[in-house]
């Protein structure tokens, strides 16, 4: 159960004015320039929309300071407070006041309230790979006058970049055949990917042993290359080469440590050079992303430039892929390990007072010692088969994930199409164009997930034919049916933070006198499918409600003896 019970406007002088609302249909009427669209936007503002410098708007400047909104939701009552400067917020839940410092905290509280009855709210954000809150779901709630008559991308808020970029993953979730399995697969792939990175880090750390073995094999004249898996073969070849080499036993006891320390000094020098280069690359990366953030902030609210932003992101992604680099943190960790190992060896050799005389060993003798030492270390610590097994599992799970993500729940898509068609058909008794549509054989309105469209079709010669022509009023009526059908579909879902309200701004504008009654017929049909206490409807219109065939549960006139528009404290200069 959900209801916005009232909106209280507070003037700059401290006066207040209250609008009271009911469950079901709230009809707000006023002539042009009476503030209907400002009222429409203000409801969204109180629900957390980010509108900068609203206090500077001509409608509010110097007259309206703040507002309170009373809401009941699932047996709880809460009060919202926002000032128009965007600096002060307040929240009272069941009579208990909560401190709210900024808009982000204000939204977090509201998101928690709208998610209170959700079964598993974490699945949604995990599925799409980004956090989706109740603000995202206002996509389904607001229909503005500018977009009335659109049947492709028919939700008004899809004109905004921040909603458009979230639409595709959101709809993939809503119409997934098995979202729980997809979330499980994503979690498992993330776990295995973390394990793979750990194994790769171990492998990379011991790669200098592998390289050192191959260097010594070359000195021994052995053509076989050590690849990490052929330990037995390489070990046998080293033993064969060692048969003809006599070692000075008095010096060989500590020779392995001396040789390893020598190798580590060389590795550390190369490692430090690599880190210097990586730091330079990281600094360039940071500059690129600062520029991208700046670009994003400049054009985020400009839908016409969304393609430019997307192309820039893709370009940076290609640059990221094209430049081979290793993780700086890992390289620094690797350097620390090598320096620690070298310090241990030097302390050990100093304590034993070992003085290594290179003349005690010829090159082949030294090569046998070093190769055997590094071979044993690598084979004991690095497990390449483990890494391959993990990668195989990741590939298998990714194939399953891709298949599931490309499998739409056609039953749900078809149910929305059926609801849209059924709602539209309810107006056939009061609208001639609706009546004529259903004279077409098998007339049906299909919801199309791709493009978020509504496509009217009919049958001709046993084929389904798309109907592309039509009045703007016809398309507007289909669009209204689309909003109602989606709300009907989303309402039973228990894992989404949906505010169950619909707010329409002047949707009757394309209709003539003969066809306006179709709106009321569709609203009546909608409320035969859902209870009025579950979905609240706000209609902002110029015409009288009876002209649209509507019997409102609450009627509000914006022009009266005490006010000239939405903001009763406003006076024209």
Foldseek 3Di string as FASTA:
>chain_A
DKDFAKKWWAWPVGDIDMDGDDFAEEEEAEAPPQCLVVVLVVVVVQLQDDDAQQCPDQQRPRTTFKMKIWMDDPRKIKIWIATNNQQDIWMAINNRTDDDGHSVSVQVVLQCRLQVQFDAQVLLCLQLVHDDTQNLQCQLFEAEPVQQLDFFSNRPCCLALVNVVSQVSNLLCLFFPCSPVLSVLSVVLVVLVVVLVVQVLLCVLLVLLQVLLQVLCVVLVHPDHDPLPPLVVSLVVLVVSCVVPDADVVQLPLLQLVVLLVSLVVVLVVLVVLLVVVVVVVVVVVVLVVVLVVVCVVCNGPSVCSVVSVVSVVVVVVVVVVDDDDDSVSSVVSSVVSVVSSVVSVVVCVVVVDDHDPVSGDSNRSSSSSNVVSSVVSNVRRDVVVSVVSVVVSVVSVVVSVVSSPDTNVVLQVQLQVQLLVLLCLLLVQDVVSVVQVVAAPWTWGQDSVSRGTWTWGDDPNDIGTDDDDASLSSSSSSVSSSLSVLLSCLVRRNHSHNQEHEYEASCVRPDLRRLLSQQSSSVVSCVSPPSVRYHYYYYHHDDQVSNVHDGPHYHYSPDPQASHDSSRDDDD
